[in-house]
Amino acid sequence: MLLPRTEHLAARPSWDCLVCECPWPCVNAKEELMKQYDRYPANLAIYMASTMYDAVEDLTATGAPTPADLYERFLSWVP
């Protein structure tokens, strides 16, 4: 599996972008990841599903409910 190469990484446990502070994956991260994984869309889906799992763990660690937008943020844009 390709490891992502982007400056727009998630700050844990908030899951906001380290660069632009938008919810991660931000627009720039999505664009860079799509380019990098262009030939390997299944690997992008696996990577994003695994990061979504990590985000669920981090974002609910304090007992908060699972954010309703996680599928949209992490997977809906993946081919």
N, C-alpha and C. Protein backbone atom coordinates (compact mmCIF):
# COMPACT_ATOMS: atom_id res chain seq x y z
N MET A 1 0.85 -1.18 0.00
CA MET A 1 0.00 0.00 0.00
C MET A 1 0.89 1.24 0.00
N LEU A 2 0.49 2.22 -0.79
CA LEU A 2 1.23 3.47 -0.81
C LEU A 2 0.96 4.26 0.45
N LEU A 3 1.99 4.85 1.00
CA LEU A 3 1.81 5.73 2.16
C LEU A 3 1.56 7.13 1.64
N PRO A 4 0.58 7.82 2.22
CA PRO A 4 0.25 9.15 1.71
C PRO A 4 1.37 10.15 1.91
N ARG A 5 1.57 10.99 0.88
CA ARG A 5 2.55 12.06 0.94
C ARG A 5 1.81 13.37 0.74
N THR A 6 1.54 14.05 1.82
CA THR A 6 0.87 15.34 1.78
C THR A 6 1.22 16.10 3.05
N GLU A 7 1.28 17.41 2.95
CA GLU A 7 1.50 18.23 4.14
C GLU A 7 0.20 18.37 4.92
N HIS A 8 -0.91 18.14 4.26
CA HIS A 8 -2.22 18.29 4.88
C HIS A 8 -2.60 16.99 5.60
N LEU A 9 -2.05 16.87 6.80
CA LEU A 9 -2.29 15.68 7.61
C LEU A 9 -3.22 16.01 8.76
N ALA A 10 -3.79 14.98 9.35
CA ALA A 10 -4.72 15.16 10.46
C ALA A 10 -3.98 15.37 11.77
N ALA A 11 -4.47 16.32 12.55
CA ALA A 11 -3.98 16.51 13.92
C ALA A 11 -4.88 15.67 14.82
N ARG A 12 -4.29 14.75 15.53
CA ARG A 12 -5.08 13.91 16.42
C ARG A 12 -4.99 14.46 17.82
N PRO A 13 -6.04 14.45 18.58
CA PRO A 13 -7.29 13.72 18.38
C PRO A 13 -8.41 14.55 17.75
N SER A 14 -8.14 15.79 17.32
CA SER A 14 -9.22 16.64 16.80
C SER A 14 -9.62 16.29 15.37
N TRP A 15 -8.72 15.72 14.60
CA TRP A 15 -8.94 15.40 13.20
C TRP A 15 -9.21 16.64 12.36
N ASP A 16 -8.50 17.71 12.71
CA ASP A 16 -8.45 18.90 11.88
C ASP A 16 -7.11 18.89 11.15
N CYS A 17 -7.05 19.54 10.00
CA CYS A 17 -5.83 19.59 9.20
C CYS A 17 -4.75 20.38 9.93
N LEU A 18 -3.53 19.86 9.93
CA LEU A 18 -2.40 20.55 10.56
C LEU A 18 -2.04 21.84 9.84
N VAL A 19 -2.34 21.94 8.56
CA VAL A 19 -1.95 23.10 7.77
C VAL A 19 -3.05 24.16 7.74
N CYS A 20 -4.25 23.78 7.33
CA CYS A 20 -5.32 24.77 7.14
C CYS A 20 -6.38 24.75 8.24
N GLU A 21 -6.28 23.81 9.15
CA GLU A 21 -7.16 23.69 10.31
C GLU A 21 -8.62 23.41 9.96
N CYS A 22 -8.88 22.98 8.74
CA CYS A 22 -10.23 22.55 8.35
C CYS A 22 -10.41 21.10 8.79
N PRO A 23 -11.65 20.62 8.86
CA PRO A 23 -11.84 19.20 9.18
C PRO A 23 -11.09 18.33 8.16
N TRP A 24 -10.35 17.35 8.68
CA TRP A 24 -9.57 16.49 7.80
C TRP A 24 -10.40 15.29 7.40
N PRO A 25 -10.29 14.84 6.15
CA PRO A 25 -9.42 15.34 5.09
C PRO A 25 -9.98 16.62 4.47
N CYS A 26 -9.13 17.63 4.43
CA CYS A 26 -9.51 18.91 3.84
C CYS A 26 -9.49 18.78 2.31
N VAL A 27 -9.90 19.82 1.64
CA VAL A 27 -9.94 19.81 0.17
C VAL A 27 -8.56 19.52 -0.40
N ASN A 28 -7.52 20.15 0.14
CA ASN A 28 -6.16 19.93 -0.37
C ASN A 28 -5.72 18.49 -0.16
N ALA A 29 -6.00 17.93 1.01
CA ALA A 29 -5.62 16.54 1.28
C ALA A 29 -6.34 15.60 0.30
N LYS A 30 -7.62 15.84 0.07
CA LYS A 30 -8.37 14.99 -0.86
C LYS A 30 -7.76 15.04 -2.26
N GLU A 31 -7.46 16.25 -2.73
CA GLU A 31 -6.87 16.39 -4.06
C GLU A 31 -5.52 15.68 -4.15
N GLU A 32 -4.67 15.87 -3.15
CA GLU A 32 -3.35 15.24 -3.17
C GLU A 32 -3.45 13.73 -3.06
N LEU A 33 -4.34 13.24 -2.22
CA LEU A 33 -4.51 11.79 -2.09
C LEU A 33 -5.08 11.17 -3.36
N MET A 34 -6.04 11.86 -4.00
CA MET A 34 -6.60 11.35 -5.26
C MET A 34 -5.52 11.23 -6.33
N LYS A 35 -4.65 12.23 -6.41
CA LYS A 35 -3.55 12.18 -7.39
C LYS A 35 -2.59 11.04 -7.06
N GLN A 36 -2.23 10.93 -5.80
CA GLN A 36 -1.26 9.92 -5.41
C GLN A 36 -1.79 8.50 -5.61
N TYR A 37 -3.04 8.29 -5.31
CA TYR A 37 -3.63 6.95 -5.40
C TYR A 37 -4.39 6.74 -6.70
N ASP A 38 -4.16 7.58 -7.69
CA ASP A 38 -4.88 7.51 -8.96
C ASP A 38 -4.91 6.11 -9.55
N ARG A 39 -3.80 5.43 -9.50
CA ARG A 39 -3.72 4.08 -10.08
C ARG A 39 -4.10 2.99 -9.08
N TYR A 40 -4.36 3.37 -7.83
CA TYR A 40 -4.65 2.40 -6.78
C TYR A 40 -5.87 2.82 -5.95
N PRO A 41 -7.04 2.98 -6.58
CA PRO A 41 -8.21 3.48 -5.84
C PRO A 41 -8.63 2.56 -4.69
N ALA A 42 -8.43 1.27 -4.81
CA ALA A 42 -8.78 0.36 -3.71
C ALA A 42 -7.90 0.63 -2.50
N ASN A 43 -6.63 0.95 -2.72
CA ASN A 43 -5.74 1.26 -1.61
C ASN A 43 -6.15 2.56 -0.93
N LEU A 44 -6.63 3.53 -1.71
CA LEU A 44 -7.11 4.77 -1.12
C LEU A 44 -8.32 4.49 -0.24
N ALA A 45 -9.22 3.64 -0.71
CA ALA A 45 -10.41 3.30 0.07
C ALA A 45 -10.01 2.60 1.37
N ILE A 46 -9.05 1.72 1.32
CA ILE A 46 -8.58 1.02 2.52
C ILE A 46 -7.94 2.01 3.48
N TYR A 47 -7.10 2.89 2.96
CA TYR A 47 -6.45 3.89 3.80
C TYR A 47 -7.47 4.80 4.48
N MET A 48 -8.42 5.29 3.70
CA MET A 48 -9.40 6.21 4.26
C MET A 48 -10.33 5.51 5.26
N ALA A 49 -10.68 4.26 5.01
CA ALA A 49 -11.51 3.52 5.97
C ALA A 49 -10.76 3.32 7.28
N SER A 50 -9.47 3.04 7.18
CA SER A 50 -8.70 2.85 8.41
C SER A 50 -8.53 4.16 9.18
N THR A 51 -8.37 5.28 8.47
CA THR A 51 -8.27 6.56 9.17
C THR A 51 -9.61 6.96 9.77
N MET A 52 -10.71 6.59 9.11
CA MET A 52 -12.02 6.87 9.68
C MET A 52 -12.22 6.09 10.98
N TYR A 53 -11.77 4.85 11.00
CA TYR A 53 -11.84 4.05 12.21
C TYR A 53 -11.06 4.72 13.34
N ASP A 54 -9.85 5.20 13.04
CA ASP A 54 -9.05 5.91 14.04
C ASP A 54 -9.76 7.17 14.52
N ALA A 55 -10.38 7.89 13.59
CA ALA A 55 -11.09 9.12 13.94
C ALA A 55 -12.27 8.82 14.87
N VAL A 56 -13.00 7.75 14.60
CA VAL A 56 -14.11 7.37 15.48
C VAL A 56 -13.60 7.13 16.89
N GLU A 57 -12.50 6.39 17.00
CA GLU A 57 -11.93 6.12 18.32
C GLU A 57 -11.53 7.41 19.03
N ASP A 58 -10.83 8.30 18.33
CA ASP A 58 -10.37 9.55 18.94
C ASP A 58 -11.54 10.47 19.30
N LEU A 59 -12.49 10.62 18.39
CA LEU A 59 -13.56 11.58 18.58
C LEU A 59 -14.61 11.13 19.59
N THR A 60 -14.64 9.84 19.89
CA THR A 60 -15.61 9.33 20.87
C THR A 60 -14.95 8.91 22.19
N ALA A 61 -13.67 9.16 22.32
CA ALA A 61 -12.93 8.73 23.51
C ALA A 61 -13.46 9.37 24.79
N THR A 62 -14.04 10.54 24.68
CA THR A 62 -14.56 11.23 25.87
C THR A 62 -16.03 10.91 26.12
N GLY A 63 -16.58 9.97 25.37
CA GLY A 63 -17.98 9.59 25.53
C GLY A 63 -18.92 10.33 24.60
N ALA A 64 -18.38 11.18 23.74
CA ALA A 64 -19.21 11.90 22.77
C ALA A 64 -19.76 10.92 21.74
N PRO A 65 -20.94 11.21 21.19
CA PRO A 65 -21.48 10.33 20.15
C PRO A 65 -20.63 10.41 18.88
N THR A 66 -20.70 9.39 18.07
CA THR A 66 -19.98 9.38 16.80
C THR A 66 -20.50 10.49 15.91
N PRO A 67 -19.62 11.36 15.39
CA PRO A 67 -20.08 12.43 14.50
C PRO A 67 -20.79 11.85 13.28
N ALA A 68 -21.90 12.45 12.91
CA ALA A 68 -22.73 11.95 11.82
C ALA A 68 -22.09 12.13 10.44
N ASP A 69 -21.10 13.00 10.32
CA ASP A 69 -20.54 13.32 9.00
C ASP A 69 -19.30 12.52 8.63
N LEU A 70 -18.93 11.53 9.42
CA LEU A 70 -17.66 10.84 9.15
C LEU A 70 -17.63 10.11 7.82
N TYR A 71 -18.72 9.45 7.43
CA TYR A 71 -18.73 8.78 6.13
C TYR A 71 -18.52 9.81 5.02
N GLU A 72 -19.22 10.92 5.09
CA GLU A 72 -19.07 11.96 4.07
C GLU A 72 -17.64 12.48 4.04
N ARG A 73 -17.06 12.73 5.19
CA ARG A 73 -15.70 13.27 5.26
C ARG A 73 -14.66 12.30 4.72
N PHE A 74 -14.74 11.04 5.13
CA PHE A 74 -13.67 10.10 4.86
C PHE A 74 -13.86 9.21 3.64
N LEU A 75 -15.08 8.87 3.28
CA LEU A 75 -15.26 7.86 2.24
C LEU A 75 -16.11 8.26 1.04
N SER A 76 -17.02 9.17 1.19
CA SER A 76 -17.96 9.46 0.09
C SER A 76 -17.28 9.95 -1.18
N TRP A 77 -16.12 10.55 -1.07
CA TRP A 77 -15.41 11.13 -2.22
C TRP A 77 -14.43 10.15 -2.87
N VAL A 78 -14.22 9.00 -2.23
CA VAL A 78 -13.26 8.02 -2.75
C VAL A 78 -13.90 7.25 -3.90
N PRO A 79 -13.19 7.12 -5.04
CA PRO A 79 -13.78 6.40 -6.18
C PRO A 79 -14.01 4.92 -5.89
